[in-house]
């Protein structure tokens, strides 16, 4: 039996963690993945841009984030129906995609200890730059 067969046959999912889906939850995971992909495309985000946004939001909300490669892999697994996002990722996805996690088929745990507001000093929402800090905003060009 191959590695993928083992992952599909067993379920590692707990209330607070996402996990590999077993065969009876595979259709649900595929549906959730399609909703995540559609929401990402509506926002005109590539998987790479969503990856960066999730990292920034994790830092902003003080919930930490995995490495860029790890998040990239997770996004692919979510969209292809191999995994279901955990509670932290559900909330970050909702914020990044401007949708409620419930609209993506991802119910939230009401007992989850999510920070109530962003951490001070985190990145500014919507990636807005001030003209003073943006070197591309200068009007003079060097020839």
C-alpha atoms as a PDB file:
ATOM      1  CA  UNK A   1       0.000   0.000   0.000  1.00  0.00           C
ATOM      2  CA  UNK A   2       1.453   3.349  -1.028  1.00  0.00           C
ATOM      3  CA  UNK A   3       1.936   6.484   1.042  1.00  0.00           C
ATOM      4  CA  UNK A   4      -1.083   8.256  -0.485  1.00  0.00           C
ATOM      5  CA  UNK A   5      -3.395   5.300   0.161  1.00  0.00           C
ATOM      6  CA  UNK A   6      -2.471   5.365   3.847  1.00  0.00           C
ATOM      7  CA  UNK A   7      -3.132   9.103   4.074  1.00  0.00           C
ATOM      8  CA  UNK A   8      -6.564   8.818   2.498  1.00  0.00           C
ATOM      9  CA  UNK A   9      -7.614   5.766   4.504  1.00  0.00           C
ATOM     10  CA  UNK A  10      -6.838   7.201   7.929  1.00  0.00           C
ATOM     11  CA  UNK A  11      -8.179  10.396   9.384  1.00  0.00           C
ATOM     12  CA  UNK A  12      -5.969  12.663  11.499  1.00  0.00           C
ATOM     13  CA  UNK A  13      -8.651  15.334  11.838  1.00  0.00           C
ATOM     14  CA  UNK A  14      -9.439  16.676  15.298  1.00  0.00           C
ATOM     15  CA  UNK A  15     -11.678  19.662  16.201  1.00  0.00           C
ATOM     16  CA  UNK A  16      -8.753  22.133  16.395  1.00  0.00           C
ATOM     17  CA  UNK A  17      -6.553  20.698  13.644  1.00  0.00           C
ATOM     18  CA  UNK A  18      -7.068  20.187   9.987  1.00  0.00           C
ATOM     19  CA  UNK A  19      -5.838  16.921   8.639  1.00  0.00           C
ATOM     20  CA  UNK A  20      -5.792  14.341   5.930  1.00  0.00           C
ATOM     21  CA  UNK A  21      -9.303  13.385   4.993  1.00  0.00           C
ATOM     22  CA  UNK A  22     -10.525   9.828   4.920  1.00  0.00           C
ATOM     23  CA  UNK A  23     -12.471   8.438   1.970  1.00  0.00           C
ATOM     24  CA  UNK A  24     -15.946   9.241   3.345  1.00  0.00           C
ATOM     25  CA  UNK A  25     -15.000  12.924   3.831  1.00  0.00           C
ATOM     26  CA  UNK A  26     -13.194  13.249   0.500  1.00  0.00           C
ATOM     27  CA  UNK A  27     -16.196  14.655  -1.380  1.00  0.00           C
ATOM     28  CA  UNK A  28     -16.718  17.288   1.326  1.00  0.00           C
ATOM     29  CA  UNK A  29     -13.015  18.194   1.181  1.00  0.00           C
ATOM     30  CA  UNK A  30     -13.176  18.531  -2.612  1.00  0.00           C
ATOM     31  CA  UNK A  31     -16.218  20.821  -2.333  1.00  0.00           C
ATOM     32  CA  UNK A  32     -14.421  22.977   0.261  1.00  0.00           C
ATOM     33  CA  UNK A  33     -11.355  23.081  -1.991  1.00  0.00           C
ATOM     34  CA  UNK A  34     -13.439  24.269  -4.928  1.00  0.00           C
ATOM     35  CA  UNK A  35     -14.934  27.040  -2.773  1.00  0.00           C
ATOM     36  CA  UNK A  36     -11.468  28.130  -1.589  1.00  0.00           C
ATOM     37  CA  UNK A  37     -10.125  28.154  -5.175  1.00  0.00           C
ATOM     38  CA  UNK A  38     -13.150  30.117  -6.442  1.00  0.00           C
ATOM     39  CA  UNK A  39     -12.819  32.710  -3.654  1.00  0.00           C
ATOM     40  CA  UNK A  40      -9.080  33.049  -4.354  1.00  0.00           C
ATOM     41  CA  UNK A  41      -9.710  33.562  -8.063  1.00  0.00           C
ATOM     42  CA  UNK A  42     -12.483  36.094  -7.357  1.00  0.00           C
ATOM     43  CA  UNK A  43      -9.890  38.112  -5.426  1.00  0.00           C
ATOM     44  CA  UNK A  44      -7.510  37.640  -8.400  1.00  0.00           C
ATOM     45  CA  UNK A  45      -4.847  36.100  -6.178  1.00  0.00           C
ATOM     46  CA  UNK A  46      -2.398  33.459  -7.279  1.00  0.00           C
ATOM     47  CA  UNK A  47      -1.531  30.725  -4.798  1.00  0.00           C
ATOM     48  CA  UNK A  48       1.768  32.550  -4.285  1.00  0.00           C
ATOM     49  CA  UNK A  49       0.051  35.858  -3.444  1.00  0.00           C
ATOM     50  CA  UNK A  50      -2.390  34.088  -1.111  1.00  0.00           C
ATOM     51  CA  UNK A  51       0.607  32.444   0.540  1.00  0.00           C
ATOM     52  CA  UNK A  52       2.230  35.841   1.193  1.00  0.00           C
ATOM     53  CA  UNK A  53      -1.044  37.291   2.436  1.00  0.00           C
ATOM     54  CA  UNK A  54      -1.573  34.412   4.884  1.00  0.00           C
ATOM     55  CA  UNK A  55       1.948  34.880   6.260  1.00  0.00           C
ATOM     56  CA  UNK A  56       1.404  38.627   6.728  1.00  0.00           C
ATOM     57  CA  UNK A  57      -1.956  38.095   8.397  1.00  0.00           C
ATOM     58  CA  UNK A  58      -0.489  35.467  10.715  1.00  0.00           C
ATOM     59  CA  UNK A  59       2.164  37.930  11.844  1.00  0.00           C
ATOM     60  CA  UNK A  60      -0.353  40.762  12.124  1.00  0.00           C
ATOM     61  CA  UNK A  61      -2.675  38.714  14.338  1.00  0.00           C
ATOM     62  CA  UNK A  62       0.157  37.202  16.355  1.00  0.00           C
ATOM     63  CA  UNK A  63      -0.757  33.605  15.554  1.00  0.00           C
ATOM     64  CA  UNK A  64       2.517  32.707  13.848  1.00  0.00           C
ATOM     65  CA  UNK A  65       2.793  31.045  10.507  1.00  0.00           C
ATOM     66  CA  UNK A  66       4.524  28.138   8.873  1.00  0.00           C
ATOM     67  CA  UNK A  67       7.285  28.513   6.312  1.00  0.00           C
ATOM     68  CA  UNK A  68       6.456  29.822   2.861  1.00  0.00           C
ATOM     69  CA  UNK A  69       6.994  26.378   1.306  1.00  0.00           C
ATOM     70  CA  UNK A  70       4.759  24.747   3.897  1.00  0.00           C
ATOM     71  CA  UNK A  71       1.901  27.205   3.344  1.00  0.00           C
ATOM     72  CA  UNK A  72       2.268  26.795  -0.432  1.00  0.00           C
ATOM     73  CA  UNK A  73       1.869  23.043  -0.053  1.00  0.00           C
ATOM     74  CA  UNK A  74      -1.107  23.450   2.273  1.00  0.00           C
ATOM     75  CA  UNK A  75      -2.938  25.775  -0.152  1.00  0.00           C
ATOM     76  CA  UNK A  76      -2.525  23.198  -2.894  1.00  0.00           C
ATOM     77  CA  UNK A  77      -3.729  20.381  -0.636  1.00  0.00           C
ATOM     78  CA  UNK A  78      -6.771  22.416   0.474  1.00  0.00           C
ATOM     79  CA  UNK A  79      -7.750  23.301  -3.092  1.00  0.00           C
ATOM     80  CA  UNK A  80      -7.304  19.722  -4.311  1.00  0.00           C
ATOM     81  CA  UNK A  81      -9.358  18.256  -1.470  1.00  0.00           C
ATOM     82  CA  UNK A  82      -6.565  16.366   0.299  1.00  0.00           C
ATOM     83  CA  UNK A  83      -6.686  18.350   3.533  1.00  0.00           C
ATOM     84  CA  UNK A  84      -9.095  20.581   5.395  1.00  0.00           C
ATOM     85  CA  UNK A  85      -7.729  23.828   6.908  1.00  0.00           C
ATOM     86  CA  UNK A  86      -7.280  23.978  10.677  1.00  0.00           C
ATOM     87  CA  UNK A  87      -9.019  26.640  12.816  1.00  0.00           C
ATOM     88  CA  UNK A  88      -6.198  29.202  12.527  1.00  0.00           C
ATOM     89  CA  UNK A  89      -5.983  28.773   8.770  1.00  0.00           C
ATOM     90  CA  UNK A  90      -9.772  29.012   8.422  1.00  0.00           C
ATOM     91  CA  UNK A  91      -9.788  32.425  10.054  1.00  0.00           C
ATOM     92  CA  UNK A  92      -6.783  33.661   8.083  1.00  0.00           C
ATOM     93  CA  UNK A  93      -8.318  32.425   4.828  1.00  0.00           C
ATOM     94  CA  UNK A  94     -11.547  34.246   5.623  1.00  0.00           C
ATOM     95  CA  UNK A  95      -9.691  37.499   6.212  1.00  0.00           C
ATOM     96  CA  UNK A  96      -7.392  37.093   3.188  1.00  0.00           C
ATOM     97  CA  UNK A  97     -10.258  36.262   0.835  1.00  0.00           C
ATOM     98  CA  UNK A  98     -12.803  38.694   2.351  1.00  0.00           C
ATOM     99  CA  UNK A  99     -15.329  35.940   3.059  1.00  0.00           C
ATOM    100  CA  UNK A 100     -16.680  34.287   6.163  1.00  0.00           C
ATOM    101  CA  UNK A 101     -15.053  30.885   6.731  1.00  0.00           C
ATOM    102  CA  UNK A 102     -18.566  29.426   6.954  1.00  0.00           C
ATOM    103  CA  UNK A 103     -19.142  30.535   3.343  1.00  0.00           C
ATOM    104  CA  UNK A 104     -16.219  28.303   2.363  1.00  0.00           C
ATOM    105  CA  UNK A 105     -17.805  25.355   4.155  1.00  0.00           C
ATOM    106  CA  UNK A 106     -15.433  25.771   7.099  1.00  0.00           C
ATOM    107  CA  UNK A 107     -17.253  26.090  10.431  1.00  0.00           C
ATOM    108  CA  UNK A 108     -15.340  27.818  13.219  1.00  0.00           C
ATOM    109  CA  UNK A 109     -14.868  26.474  16.725  1.00  0.00           C
ATOM    110  CA  UNK A 110     -16.492  29.027  19.094  1.00  0.00           C
ATOM    111  CA  UNK A 111     -14.040  28.015  21.848  1.00  0.00           C
ATOM    112  CA  UNK A 112     -10.998  28.746  19.686  1.00  0.00           C
ATOM    113  CA  UNK A 113      -8.622  31.187  21.408  1.00  0.00           C
ATOM    114  CA  UNK A 114      -8.184  33.502  18.413  1.00  0.00           C
ATOM    115  CA  UNK A 115      -6.660  36.937  19.204  1.00  0.00           C
ATOM    116  CA  UNK A 116      -9.430  39.523  19.244  1.00  0.00           C
ATOM    117  CA  UNK A 117      -7.486  42.154  17.301  1.00  0.00           C
ATOM    118  CA  UNK A 118      -4.249  42.548  15.339  1.00  0.00           C
ATOM    119  CA  UNK A 119      -0.960  42.821  17.205  1.00  0.00           C
ATOM    120  CA  UNK A 120       0.481  46.338  17.432  1.00  0.00           C
ATOM    121  CA  UNK A 121       3.326  46.952  15.029  1.00  0.00           C
ATOM    122  CA  UNK A 122       2.139  44.360  12.533  1.00  0.00           C
ATOM    123  CA  UNK A 123       1.840  45.074   8.820  1.00  0.00           C
ATOM    124  CA  UNK A 124      -0.807  47.563   7.797  1.00  0.00           C
ATOM    125  CA  UNK A 125      -4.003  46.096   6.343  1.00  0.00           C
ATOM    126  CA  UNK A 126      -4.506  46.207   2.562  1.00  0.00           C
ATOM    127  CA  UNK A 127      -0.754  46.676   1.959  1.00  0.00           C
ATOM    128  CA  UNK A 128      -1.148  50.444   1.722  1.00  0.00           C
ATOM    129  CA  UNK A 129       2.138  52.314   1.489  1.00  0.00           C
ATOM    130  CA  UNK A 130       2.644  55.910   2.276  1.00  0.00           C
ATOM    131  CA  UNK A 131       4.176  58.018  -0.489  1.00  0.00           C
ATOM    132  CA  UNK A 132       7.115  58.878   1.786  1.00  0.00           C
ATOM    133  CA  UNK A 133       8.078  55.227   2.321  1.00  0.00           C
ATOM    134  CA  UNK A 134       7.551  54.080  -1.261  1.00  0.00           C
ATOM    135  CA  UNK A 135      10.640  54.665  -3.430  1.00  0.00           C
ATOM    136  CA  UNK A 136       8.529  54.165  -6.571  1.00  0.00           C
ATOM    137  CA  UNK A 137       6.383  57.173  -5.616  1.00  0.00           C
ATOM    138  CA  UNK A 138       9.104  59.771  -6.237  1.00  0.00           C
ATOM    139  CA  UNK A 139       8.408  62.109  -9.129  1.00  0.00           C
ATOM    140  CA  UNK A 140      12.013  62.678 -10.166  1.00  0.00           C
ATOM    141  CA  UNK A 141      13.540  60.066 -12.454  1.00  0.00           C
ATOM    142  CA  UNK A 142      17.232  59.508 -12.965  1.00  0.00           C
ATOM    143  CA  UNK A 143      18.082  59.276 -16.648  1.00  0.00           C
END
